[in-house]
Amino acid sequence: MVNPHEAPAASPLGRAQGRVALVTGPARSGKSEWAEQLAINSQKPVIYLATAALHPQDQEWQARLARHRQRRPADWQLWEVPLALPATIARAAPGHCLLVDSLGTWLANLLDQEEATWEGHLQHLVDSLQGTPNPVILVAEETGWGVVPAYPMGRLFRDRLGQMTRRVGAIADTVYLVVAGYAVDLRQVGIQLSSPG
């Protein structure tokens, strides 16, 4: 039986710099745990890029953040970047592994942006991923597998998140789908479409 908390020894993040890995999946699937194991396998100092705003008045949200903190090794650096994710990726010193958790939260922080402004943020993210010398692991949510949201902001979030994961997936060296505690390497078993959407 495969242990979902053990990343494969042949993971490209364990043996090369400048690689991008996208880890996507539904809520509570194990995607963050899988991404954290990939970061450990990189054998590099890890910088954890947290995109969540703190919201200290929200106790349930604080409990979620605390669970993530408890799971992470104590020697990982934590950088809180609710907005400036692309610039932070671009300025990180070489020799680190960057773990971004998560793209959906970063998008939520920018959801009020007009389409052209959002497209600029997305392109800046793609450019930063292609330009950094560091391996980068990005966690993203999957929200488009259910019914169409009944309200405009929900539909906008779903559509932009799908667009973003497809754009990032198009440049990623590894794309994992994590469902029910199992990680599937989509680059190994999938067929990539010609257009990033």
N, C-alpha and C. Protein backbone atom coordinates (compact mmCIF):
# COMPACT_ATOMS: atom_id res chain seq x y z
N MET A 1 0.85 -1.20 0.00
CA MET A 1 0.00 0.00 0.00
C MET A 1 0.88 1.24 0.00
N VAL A 2 0.52 2.21 -0.83
CA VAL A 2 1.30 3.44 -0.93
C VAL A 2 0.94 4.37 0.22
N ASN A 3 1.96 4.89 0.90
CA ASN A 3 1.74 5.86 1.96
C ASN A 3 1.64 7.24 1.33
N PRO A 4 0.49 7.93 1.44
CA PRO A 4 0.36 9.23 0.77
C PRO A 4 1.25 10.30 1.35
N HIS A 5 1.89 10.02 2.50
CA HIS A 5 2.78 11.02 3.10
C HIS A 5 4.24 10.81 2.70
N GLU A 6 4.50 9.83 1.85
CA GLU A 6 5.86 9.60 1.38
C GLU A 6 5.93 9.94 -0.10
N ALA A 7 6.73 10.95 -0.42
CA ALA A 7 6.89 11.34 -1.81
C ALA A 7 7.84 10.36 -2.49
N PRO A 8 7.66 10.12 -3.80
CA PRO A 8 8.52 9.18 -4.50
C PRO A 8 9.95 9.67 -4.55
N ALA A 9 10.89 8.73 -4.44
CA ALA A 9 12.31 9.09 -4.43
C ALA A 9 12.72 9.76 -5.73
N ALA A 10 12.01 9.47 -6.82
CA ALA A 10 12.37 10.03 -8.12
C ALA A 10 11.75 11.40 -8.37
N SER A 11 11.17 12.01 -7.35
CA SER A 11 10.55 13.31 -7.53
C SER A 11 11.55 14.30 -8.10
N PRO A 12 11.19 15.03 -9.18
CA PRO A 12 12.14 15.98 -9.76
C PRO A 12 12.53 17.08 -8.78
N LEU A 13 11.70 17.33 -7.78
CA LEU A 13 12.04 18.36 -6.81
C LEU A 13 13.16 17.91 -5.89
N GLY A 14 13.43 16.62 -5.84
CA GLY A 14 14.49 16.12 -4.98
C GLY A 14 15.86 16.17 -5.62
N ARG A 15 15.92 16.46 -6.93
CA ARG A 15 17.21 16.36 -7.59
C ARG A 15 17.52 17.49 -8.56
N ALA A 16 16.69 18.50 -8.64
CA ALA A 16 16.96 19.57 -9.61
C ALA A 16 16.43 20.89 -9.11
N GLN A 17 17.11 21.96 -9.50
CA GLN A 17 16.63 23.30 -9.18
C GLN A 17 15.75 23.80 -10.32
N GLY A 18 15.05 24.89 -10.03
CA GLY A 18 14.28 25.54 -11.08
C GLY A 18 13.07 24.78 -11.53
N ARG A 19 12.58 23.83 -10.73
CA ARG A 19 11.42 23.03 -11.11
C ARG A 19 10.17 23.57 -10.43
N VAL A 20 9.04 23.45 -11.12
CA VAL A 20 7.75 23.89 -10.58
C VAL A 20 6.85 22.67 -10.44
N ALA A 21 6.24 22.53 -9.27
CA ALA A 21 5.28 21.45 -9.03
C ALA A 21 3.97 22.06 -8.58
N LEU A 22 2.89 21.62 -9.19
CA LEU A 22 1.54 22.04 -8.81
C LEU A 22 0.85 20.87 -8.13
N VAL A 23 0.32 21.11 -6.94
CA VAL A 23 -0.41 20.09 -6.19
C VAL A 23 -1.83 20.60 -6.02
N THR A 24 -2.78 19.93 -6.64
CA THR A 24 -4.16 20.40 -6.61
C THR A 24 -5.09 19.30 -6.15
N GLY A 25 -6.23 19.71 -5.64
CA GLY A 25 -7.20 18.73 -5.18
C GLY A 25 -8.28 19.39 -4.36
N PRO A 26 -9.30 18.62 -3.97
CA PRO A 26 -10.40 19.17 -3.19
C PRO A 26 -10.02 19.37 -1.73
N ALA A 27 -10.94 19.92 -0.97
CA ALA A 27 -10.72 20.18 0.45
C ALA A 27 -10.48 18.88 1.21
N ARG A 28 -9.55 18.93 2.15
CA ARG A 28 -9.24 17.81 3.05
C ARG A 28 -8.76 16.57 2.31
N SER A 29 -8.21 16.75 1.13
CA SER A 29 -7.75 15.61 0.34
C SER A 29 -6.37 15.14 0.73
N GLY A 30 -5.58 16.01 1.39
CA GLY A 30 -4.19 15.69 1.71
C GLY A 30 -3.20 16.46 0.86
N LYS A 31 -3.69 17.43 0.08
CA LYS A 31 -2.79 18.12 -0.85
C LYS A 31 -1.70 18.91 -0.14
N SER A 32 -2.04 19.56 0.98
CA SER A 32 -1.01 20.32 1.69
C SER A 32 0.03 19.39 2.30
N GLU A 33 -0.41 18.27 2.85
CA GLU A 33 0.55 17.30 3.41
C GLU A 33 1.48 16.77 2.33
N TRP A 34 0.92 16.49 1.14
CA TRP A 34 1.75 15.98 0.04
C TRP A 34 2.76 17.05 -0.39
N ALA A 35 2.31 18.29 -0.49
CA ALA A 35 3.22 19.37 -0.88
C ALA A 35 4.33 19.54 0.16
N GLU A 36 3.98 19.43 1.43
CA GLU A 36 4.99 19.55 2.49
C GLU A 36 6.01 18.42 2.40
N GLN A 37 5.57 17.21 2.06
CA GLN A 37 6.52 16.11 1.91
C GLN A 37 7.44 16.32 0.72
N LEU A 38 6.89 16.86 -0.36
CA LEU A 38 7.73 17.18 -1.52
C LEU A 38 8.79 18.22 -1.14
N ALA A 39 8.40 19.19 -0.33
CA ALA A 39 9.35 20.21 0.11
C ALA A 39 10.46 19.58 0.95
N ILE A 40 10.11 18.68 1.83
CA ILE A 40 11.12 17.98 2.62
C ILE A 40 12.05 17.19 1.71
N ASN A 41 11.49 16.54 0.69
CA ASN A 41 12.30 15.75 -0.24
C ASN A 41 13.26 16.59 -1.06
N SER A 42 13.01 17.89 -1.16
CA SER A 42 13.91 18.73 -1.94
C SER A 42 15.28 18.83 -1.29
N GLN A 43 15.35 18.56 0.02
CA GLN A 43 16.59 18.64 0.78
C GLN A 43 17.21 20.04 0.72
N LYS A 44 16.35 21.04 0.60
CA LYS A 44 16.79 22.42 0.62
C LYS A 44 16.10 23.14 1.78
N PRO A 45 16.67 24.24 2.25
CA PRO A 45 15.95 25.05 3.23
C PRO A 45 14.62 25.51 2.64
N VAL A 46 13.55 25.36 3.39
CA VAL A 46 12.21 25.64 2.87
C VAL A 46 11.72 27.00 3.36
N ILE A 47 11.17 27.77 2.42
CA ILE A 47 10.45 29.00 2.74
C ILE A 47 8.98 28.75 2.44
N TYR A 48 8.16 28.81 3.48
CA TYR A 48 6.73 28.57 3.35
C TYR A 48 6.05 29.91 3.09
N LEU A 49 5.46 30.05 1.91
CA LEU A 49 4.80 31.29 1.52
C LEU A 49 3.30 31.14 1.78
N ALA A 50 2.86 31.73 2.89
CA ALA A 50 1.46 31.63 3.30
C ALA A 50 0.68 32.79 2.70
N THR A 51 -0.36 32.48 1.95
CA THR A 51 -1.13 33.52 1.29
C THR A 51 -2.37 33.94 2.09
N ALA A 52 -2.63 33.28 3.20
CA ALA A 52 -3.84 33.56 3.97
C ALA A 52 -3.70 34.84 4.77
N ALA A 53 -4.75 35.63 4.79
CA ALA A 53 -4.84 36.74 5.73
C ALA A 53 -5.14 36.15 7.11
N LEU A 54 -4.72 36.82 8.17
CA LEU A 54 -4.78 36.22 9.51
C LEU A 54 -6.20 36.14 10.08
N HIS A 55 -7.02 37.16 9.90
CA HIS A 55 -8.39 37.21 10.44
C HIS A 55 -8.43 36.74 11.91
N PRO A 56 -7.78 37.46 12.82
CA PRO A 56 -7.68 37.00 14.21
C PRO A 56 -9.02 36.82 14.92
N GLN A 57 -10.09 37.46 14.42
CA GLN A 57 -11.39 37.33 15.06
C GLN A 57 -12.11 36.03 14.68
N ASP A 58 -11.61 35.32 13.66
CA ASP A 58 -12.23 34.09 13.19
C ASP A 58 -11.54 32.89 13.83
N GLN A 59 -12.14 32.32 14.87
CA GLN A 59 -11.50 31.25 15.63
C GLN A 59 -11.32 29.98 14.81
N GLU A 60 -12.30 29.66 13.97
CA GLU A 60 -12.17 28.44 13.15
C GLU A 60 -11.02 28.59 12.16
N TRP A 61 -10.88 29.77 11.59
CA TRP A 61 -9.77 30.03 10.65
C TRP A 61 -8.43 29.95 11.38
N GLN A 62 -8.37 30.49 12.58
CA GLN A 62 -7.14 30.42 13.37
C GLN A 62 -6.78 28.97 13.68
N ALA A 63 -7.79 28.14 13.94
CA ALA A 63 -7.53 26.73 14.22
C ALA A 63 -6.96 26.02 12.99
N ARG A 64 -7.46 26.37 11.81
CA ARG A 64 -6.92 25.80 10.58
C ARG A 64 -5.45 26.19 10.40
N LEU A 65 -5.16 27.46 10.60
CA LEU A 65 -3.77 27.92 10.46
C LEU A 65 -2.86 27.23 11.48
N ALA A 66 -3.37 27.03 12.69
CA ALA A 66 -2.58 26.39 13.74
C ALA A 66 -2.25 24.95 13.36
N ARG A 67 -3.20 24.23 12.75
CA ARG A 67 -2.94 22.85 12.32
C ARG A 67 -1.82 22.80 11.29
N HIS A 68 -1.84 23.75 10.37
CA HIS A 68 -0.78 23.81 9.37
C HIS A 68 0.57 24.10 10.03
N ARG A 69 0.59 25.03 10.98
CA ARG A 69 1.85 25.37 11.65
C ARG A 69 2.41 24.17 12.40
N GLN A 70 1.57 23.43 13.09
CA GLN A 70 2.02 22.29 13.89
C GLN A 70 2.62 21.20 13.03
N ARG A 71 2.17 21.09 11.78
CA ARG A 71 2.64 20.04 10.90
C ARG A 71 4.00 20.37 10.28
N ARG A 72 4.33 21.64 10.19
CA ARG A 72 5.54 22.05 9.50
C ARG A 72 6.77 21.91 10.39
N PRO A 73 7.91 21.53 9.80
CA PRO A 73 9.16 21.51 10.57
C PRO A 73 9.49 22.89 11.14
N ALA A 74 10.08 22.91 12.32
CA ALA A 74 10.35 24.17 13.02
C ALA A 74 11.38 25.03 12.31
N ASP A 75 12.24 24.43 11.48
CA ASP A 75 13.29 25.21 10.84
C ASP A 75 12.85 25.86 9.52
N TRP A 76 11.60 25.66 9.11
CA TRP A 76 11.13 26.32 7.90
C TRP A 76 10.88 27.80 8.17
N GLN A 77 11.27 28.63 7.22
CA GLN A 77 10.92 30.05 7.30
C GLN A 77 9.46 30.23 6.89
N LEU A 78 8.79 31.18 7.51
CA LEU A 78 7.42 31.52 7.16
C LEU A 78 7.38 32.96 6.67
N TRP A 79 6.93 33.13 5.44
CA TRP A 79 6.71 34.47 4.89
C TRP A 79 5.22 34.60 4.58
N GLU A 80 4.58 35.60 5.14
CA GLU A 80 3.16 35.83 4.90
C GLU A 80 3.01 36.80 3.74
N VAL A 81 2.42 36.32 2.64
CA VAL A 81 2.32 37.10 1.41
C VAL A 81 0.90 37.02 0.85
N PRO A 82 -0.06 37.66 1.50
CA PRO A 82 -1.43 37.58 1.00
C PRO A 82 -1.65 38.23 -0.36
N LEU A 83 -0.77 39.15 -0.75
CA LEU A 83 -0.94 39.85 -2.03
C LEU A 83 0.29 39.74 -2.94
N ALA A 84 1.48 39.94 -2.40
CA ALA A 84 2.69 40.10 -3.21
C ALA A 84 3.37 38.77 -3.51
N LEU A 85 2.61 37.76 -3.88
CA LEU A 85 3.20 36.44 -4.12
C LEU A 85 4.20 36.42 -5.27
N PRO A 86 3.87 36.91 -6.46
CA PRO A 86 4.85 36.84 -7.56
C PRO A 86 6.16 37.56 -7.24
N ALA A 87 6.09 38.75 -6.66
CA ALA A 87 7.30 39.50 -6.33
C ALA A 87 8.13 38.76 -5.28
N THR A 88 7.47 38.10 -4.35
CA THR A 88 8.18 37.35 -3.31
C THR A 88 8.89 36.15 -3.90
N ILE A 89 8.24 35.43 -4.81
CA ILE A 89 8.89 34.31 -5.49
C ILE A 89 10.11 34.81 -6.24
N ALA A 90 9.97 35.94 -6.91
CA ALA A 90 11.07 36.46 -7.73
C ALA A 90 12.26 36.90 -6.89
N ARG A 91 12.04 37.40 -5.68
CA ARG A 91 13.14 37.94 -4.89
C ARG A 91 13.77 36.93 -3.93
N ALA A 92 13.20 35.74 -3.80
CA ALA A 92 13.75 34.75 -2.88
C ALA A 92 15.16 34.35 -3.32
N ALA A 93 16.08 34.31 -2.38
CA ALA A 93 17.47 33.98 -2.69
C ALA A 93 17.58 32.55 -3.21
N PRO A 94 18.50 32.31 -4.15
CA PRO A 94 18.70 30.94 -4.64
C PRO A 94 19.09 29.98 -3.51
N GLY A 95 18.81 28.71 -3.74
CA GLY A 95 19.20 27.69 -2.79
C GLY A 95 18.09 27.26 -1.85
N HIS A 96 16.87 27.79 -2.04
CA HIS A 96 15.74 27.44 -1.20
C HIS A 96 14.70 26.66 -2.00
N CYS A 97 13.82 26.00 -1.29
CA CYS A 97 12.61 25.44 -1.86
C CYS A 97 11.45 26.30 -1.37
N LEU A 98 10.62 26.78 -2.28
CA LEU A 98 9.50 27.63 -1.93
C LEU A 98 8.21 26.80 -1.97
N LEU A 99 7.45 26.86 -0.90
CA LEU A 99 6.18 26.15 -0.82
C LEU A 99 5.06 27.19 -0.67
N VAL A 100 4.19 27.27 -1.67
CA VAL A 100 3.10 28.25 -1.70
C VAL A 100 1.80 27.55 -1.30
N ASP A 101 1.18 28.02 -0.23
CA ASP A 101 -0.08 27.44 0.21
C ASP A 101 -1.01 28.57 0.63
N SER A 102 -1.97 28.97 -0.22
CA SER A 102 -2.35 28.31 -1.45
C SER A 102 -2.71 29.35 -2.52
N LEU A 103 -2.82 28.86 -3.76
CA LEU A 103 -3.17 29.76 -4.85
C LEU A 103 -4.61 30.25 -4.75
N GLY A 104 -5.51 29.40 -4.28
CA GLY A 104 -6.90 29.81 -4.14
C GLY A 104 -7.08 30.94 -3.14
N THR A 105 -6.32 30.88 -2.06
CA THR A 105 -6.40 31.94 -1.05
C THR A 105 -5.82 33.24 -1.61
N TRP A 106 -4.72 33.13 -2.35
CA TRP A 106 -4.15 34.32 -2.99
C TRP A 106 -5.16 34.95 -3.95
N LEU A 107 -5.82 34.11 -4.75
CA LEU A 107 -6.84 34.61 -5.66
C LEU A 107 -7.96 35.30 -4.90
N ALA A 108 -8.42 34.70 -3.81
CA ALA A 108 -9.51 35.30 -3.02
C ALA A 108 -9.14 36.69 -2.54
N ASN A 109 -7.87 36.88 -2.21
CA ASN A 109 -7.42 38.19 -1.74
C ASN A 109 -7.44 39.24 -2.86
N LEU A 110 -7.47 38.79 -4.11
CA LEU A 110 -7.43 39.70 -5.26
C LEU A 110 -8.71 39.65 -6.09
N LEU A 111 -9.75 39.03 -5.55
CA LEU A 111 -10.93 38.74 -6.37
C LEU A 111 -11.66 40.00 -6.82
N ASP A 112 -11.48 41.11 -6.12
CA ASP A 112 -12.18 42.33 -6.50
C ASP A 112 -11.51 43.08 -7.64
N GLN A 113 -10.39 42.55 -8.15
CA GLN A 113 -9.67 43.22 -9.24
C GLN A 113 -10.43 43.07 -10.56
N GLU A 114 -10.35 44.11 -11.38
CA GLU A 114 -10.92 44.03 -12.73
C GLU A 114 -10.17 42.97 -13.53
N GLU A 115 -10.80 42.49 -14.61
CA GLU A 115 -10.25 41.36 -15.38
C GLU A 115 -8.84 41.66 -15.89
N ALA A 116 -8.62 42.84 -16.43
CA ALA A 116 -7.30 43.16 -16.97
C ALA A 116 -6.25 43.21 -15.87
N THR A 117 -6.61 43.74 -14.72
CA THR A 117 -5.68 43.79 -13.59
C THR A 117 -5.38 42.39 -13.10
N TRP A 118 -6.41 41.56 -12.99
CA TRP A 118 -6.19 40.17 -12.57
C TRP A 118 -5.28 39.45 -13.56
N GLU A 119 -5.51 39.64 -14.84
CA GLU A 119 -4.68 38.98 -15.84
C GLU A 119 -3.22 39.39 -15.68
N GLY A 120 -2.98 40.65 -15.32
CA GLY A 120 -1.61 41.10 -15.06
C GLY A 120 -1.00 40.39 -13.88
N HIS A 121 -1.77 40.21 -12.80
CA HIS A 121 -1.27 39.47 -11.63
C HIS A 121 -0.93 38.03 -12.01
N LEU A 122 -1.82 37.40 -12.78
CA LEU A 122 -1.60 36.00 -13.18
C LEU A 122 -0.36 35.87 -14.05
N GLN A 123 -0.20 36.80 -15.00
CA GLN A 123 0.99 36.73 -15.85
C GLN A 123 2.26 36.96 -15.04
N HIS A 124 2.21 37.86 -14.07
CA HIS A 124 3.35 38.12 -13.20
C HIS A 124 3.70 36.85 -12.42
N LEU A 125 2.68 36.11 -11.97
CA LEU A 125 2.93 34.85 -11.27
C LEU A 125 3.64 33.86 -12.18
N VAL A 126 3.12 33.69 -13.39
CA VAL A 126 3.74 32.75 -14.33
C VAL A 126 5.18 33.16 -14.63
N ASP A 127 5.40 34.45 -14.84
CA ASP A 127 6.76 34.94 -15.12
C ASP A 127 7.70 34.66 -13.95
N SER A 128 7.21 34.87 -12.73
CA SER A 128 8.07 34.64 -11.55
C SER A 128 8.42 33.17 -11.42
N LEU A 129 7.48 32.29 -11.73
CA LEU A 129 7.75 30.86 -11.65
C LEU A 129 8.76 30.43 -12.70
N GLN A 130 8.67 31.01 -13.87
CA GLN A 130 9.61 30.66 -14.93
C GLN A 130 10.99 31.26 -14.71
N GLY A 131 11.06 32.35 -13.92
CA GLY A 131 12.33 33.03 -13.74
C GLY A 131 13.10 32.67 -12.50
N THR A 132 12.46 32.06 -11.51
CA THR A 132 13.17 31.77 -10.27
C THR A 132 14.12 30.59 -10.42
N PRO A 133 15.28 30.64 -9.76
CA PRO A 133 16.17 29.48 -9.77
C PRO A 133 15.77 28.42 -8.75
N ASN A 134 14.80 28.74 -7.91
CA ASN A 134 14.40 27.84 -6.84
C ASN A 134 13.30 26.87 -7.25
N PRO A 135 13.31 25.65 -6.72
CA PRO A 135 12.13 24.81 -6.89
C PRO A 135 10.95 25.43 -6.16
N VAL A 136 9.79 25.40 -6.78
CA VAL A 136 8.58 25.98 -6.20
C VAL A 136 7.47 24.92 -6.23
N ILE A 137 6.84 24.72 -5.09
CA ILE A 137 5.70 23.81 -4.96
C ILE A 137 4.49 24.68 -4.65
N LEU A 138 3.44 24.55 -5.46
CA LEU A 138 2.25 25.37 -5.28
C LEU A 138 1.05 24.49 -4.98
N VAL A 139 0.34 24.83 -3.92
CA VAL A 139 -0.90 24.13 -3.57
C VAL A 139 -2.07 24.93 -4.14
N ALA A 140 -3.00 24.24 -4.78
CA ALA A 140 -4.19 24.90 -5.33
C ALA A 140 -5.42 24.05 -5.05
N GLU A 141 -6.53 24.74 -4.89
CA GLU A 141 -7.80 24.06 -4.63
C GLU A 141 -8.50 23.72 -5.94
N GLU A 142 -9.36 22.72 -5.89
CA GLU A 142 -10.26 22.41 -7.00
C GLU A 142 -11.68 22.73 -6.56
N THR A 143 -12.31 23.66 -7.25
CA THR A 143 -13.67 24.06 -6.86
C THR A 143 -14.69 23.86 -7.96
N GLY A 144 -14.28 23.48 -9.15
CA GLY A 144 -15.19 23.45 -10.29
C GLY A 144 -15.80 22.11 -10.60
N TRP A 145 -15.79 21.17 -9.67
CA TRP A 145 -16.31 19.84 -9.95
C TRP A 145 -17.77 19.68 -9.54
N GLY A 146 -18.34 20.70 -8.93
CA GLY A 146 -19.73 20.60 -8.48
C GLY A 146 -20.63 21.47 -9.32
N VAL A 147 -21.73 21.89 -8.71
CA VAL A 147 -22.70 22.72 -9.42
C VAL A 147 -22.13 24.11 -9.65
N VAL A 148 -22.67 24.80 -10.63
CA VAL A 148 -22.28 26.18 -10.90
C VAL A 148 -22.75 27.03 -9.72
N PRO A 149 -21.86 27.85 -9.12
CA PRO A 149 -22.28 28.69 -8.00
C PRO A 149 -23.45 29.60 -8.37
N ALA A 150 -24.32 29.84 -7.42
CA ALA A 150 -25.53 30.61 -7.68
C ALA A 150 -25.31 32.11 -7.65
N TYR A 151 -24.12 32.55 -7.26
CA TYR A 151 -23.88 33.99 -7.12
C TYR A 151 -22.65 34.38 -7.95
N PRO A 152 -22.61 35.62 -8.46
CA PRO A 152 -21.57 36.03 -9.40
C PRO A 152 -20.14 35.89 -8.87
N MET A 153 -19.89 36.27 -7.60
CA MET A 153 -18.52 36.19 -7.08
C MET A 153 -18.04 34.75 -6.98
N GLY A 154 -18.95 33.85 -6.67
CA GLY A 154 -18.59 32.43 -6.64
C GLY A 154 -18.21 31.92 -8.01
N ARG A 155 -18.95 32.34 -9.03
CA ARG A 155 -18.63 31.92 -10.39
C ARG A 155 -17.31 32.54 -10.85
N LEU A 156 -17.08 33.80 -10.47
CA LEU A 156 -15.82 34.45 -10.84
C LEU A 156 -14.64 33.75 -10.19
N PHE A 157 -14.77 33.42 -8.90
CA PHE A 157 -13.69 32.72 -8.21
C PHE A 157 -13.41 31.38 -8.87
N ARG A 158 -14.46 30.61 -9.12
CA ARG A 158 -14.29 29.29 -9.73
C ARG A 158 -13.61 29.39 -11.09
N ASP A 159 -14.05 30.33 -11.92
CA ASP A 159 -13.50 30.45 -13.26
C ASP A 159 -12.05 30.92 -13.23
N ARG A 160 -11.75 31.91 -12.38
CA ARG A 160 -10.36 32.39 -12.31
C ARG A 160 -9.43 31.34 -11.73
N LEU A 161 -9.91 30.58 -10.76
CA LEU A 161 -9.07 29.54 -10.18
C LEU A 161 -8.77 28.46 -11.22
N GLY A 162 -9.79 28.06 -11.98
CA GLY A 162 -9.55 27.08 -13.03
C GLY A 162 -8.57 27.59 -14.08
N GLN A 163 -8.72 28.86 -14.45
CA GLN A 163 -7.80 29.47 -15.40
C GLN A 163 -6.38 29.48 -14.86
N MET A 164 -6.24 29.85 -13.58
CA MET A 164 -4.91 29.94 -12.99
C MET A 164 -4.23 28.58 -12.88
N THR A 165 -4.96 27.56 -12.41
CA THR A 165 -4.32 26.25 -12.27
C THR A 165 -3.94 25.69 -13.63
N ARG A 166 -4.74 25.99 -14.63
CA ARG A 166 -4.38 25.51 -15.97
C ARG A 166 -3.14 26.22 -16.51
N ARG A 167 -3.04 27.52 -16.27
CA ARG A 167 -1.85 28.26 -16.71
C ARG A 167 -0.60 27.78 -15.98
N VAL A 168 -0.71 27.60 -14.67
CA VAL A 168 0.44 27.12 -13.90
C VAL A 168 0.76 25.68 -14.28
N GLY A 169 -0.27 24.85 -14.44
CA GLY A 169 -0.04 23.47 -14.83
C GLY A 169 0.67 23.34 -16.16
N ALA A 170 0.43 24.29 -17.07
CA ALA A 170 1.06 24.23 -18.39
C ALA A 170 2.57 24.42 -18.32
N ILE A 171 3.07 25.13 -17.29
CA ILE A 171 4.52 25.34 -17.18
C ILE A 171 5.15 24.47 -16.10
N ALA A 172 4.34 23.74 -15.36
CA ALA A 172 4.87 22.93 -14.26
C ALA A 172 5.55 21.68 -14.79
N ASP A 173 6.62 21.27 -14.12
CA ASP A 173 7.29 20.03 -14.47
C ASP A 173 6.54 18.83 -13.90
N THR A 174 5.84 19.06 -12.80
CA THR A 174 5.07 18.00 -12.16
C THR A 174 3.72 18.56 -11.74
N VAL A 175 2.66 17.81 -12.00
CA VAL A 175 1.32 18.20 -11.57
C VAL A 175 0.70 17.01 -10.86
N TYR A 176 0.41 17.20 -9.59
CA TYR A 176 -0.22 16.14 -8.80
C TYR A 176 -1.67 16.49 -8.54
N LEU A 177 -2.55 15.50 -8.68
CA LEU A 177 -3.92 15.60 -8.21
C LEU A 177 -4.02 14.72 -6.97
N VAL A 178 -4.46 15.32 -5.86
CA VAL A 178 -4.59 14.58 -4.61
C VAL A 178 -6.07 14.46 -4.28
N VAL A 179 -6.55 13.23 -4.19
CA VAL A 179 -7.95 12.95 -3.90
C VAL A 179 -8.03 11.82 -2.89
N ALA A 180 -8.78 12.02 -1.80
CA ALA A 180 -9.02 10.97 -0.80
C ALA A 180 -7.72 10.39 -0.25
N GLY A 181 -6.69 11.23 -0.14
CA GLY A 181 -5.43 10.79 0.43
C GLY A 181 -4.50 10.09 -0.54
N TYR A 182 -4.80 10.12 -1.84
CA TYR A 182 -3.94 9.52 -2.86
C TYR A 182 -3.46 10.60 -3.81
N ALA A 183 -2.17 10.59 -4.12
CA ALA A 183 -1.60 11.55 -5.05
C ALA A 183 -1.35 10.87 -6.39
N VAL A 184 -1.85 11.49 -7.45
CA VAL A 184 -1.68 10.96 -8.81
C VAL A 184 -0.84 11.96 -9.60
N ASP A 185 0.23 11.48 -10.23
CA ASP A 185 1.09 12.32 -11.04
C ASP A 185 0.46 12.45 -12.43
N LEU A 186 -0.17 13.60 -12.69
CA LEU A 186 -0.90 13.77 -13.93
C LEU A 186 0.00 13.85 -15.15
N ARG A 187 1.23 14.26 -14.96
CA ARG A 187 2.15 14.30 -16.11
C ARG A 187 2.53 12.89 -16.55
N GLN A 188 2.44 11.93 -15.64
CA GLN A 188 2.76 10.55 -15.98
C GLN A 188 1.59 9.83 -16.63
N VAL A 189 0.38 10.13 -16.18
CA VAL A 189 -0.79 9.37 -16.66
C VAL A 189 -1.72 10.19 -17.54
N GLY A 190 -1.52 11.50 -17.62
CA GLY A 190 -2.44 12.35 -18.36
C GLY A 190 -1.90 12.76 -19.70
N ILE A 191 -2.76 13.36 -20.50
CA ILE A 191 -2.40 13.92 -21.80
C ILE A 191 -2.67 15.43 -21.71
N GLN A 192 -1.61 16.23 -21.85
CA GLN A 192 -1.77 17.66 -21.74
C GLN A 192 -2.42 18.25 -22.97
N LEU A 193 -3.40 19.12 -22.77
CA LEU A 193 -4.03 19.80 -23.89
C LEU A 193 -3.06 20.83 -24.46
N SER A 194 -3.24 21.16 -25.72
CA SER A 194 -2.27 22.03 -26.40
C SER A 194 -2.34 23.47 -25.92
N SER A 195 -3.49 23.91 -25.46
CA SER A 195 -3.65 25.30 -25.05
C SER A 195 -3.80 25.39 -23.54
N PRO A 196 -3.12 26.39 -22.89
CA PRO A 196 -3.27 26.54 -21.45
C PRO A 196 -4.60 27.16 -21.03
N GLY A 197 -5.49 27.45 -21.93
CA GLY A 197 -6.82 27.97 -21.60
C GLY A 197 -6.87 29.46 -21.46
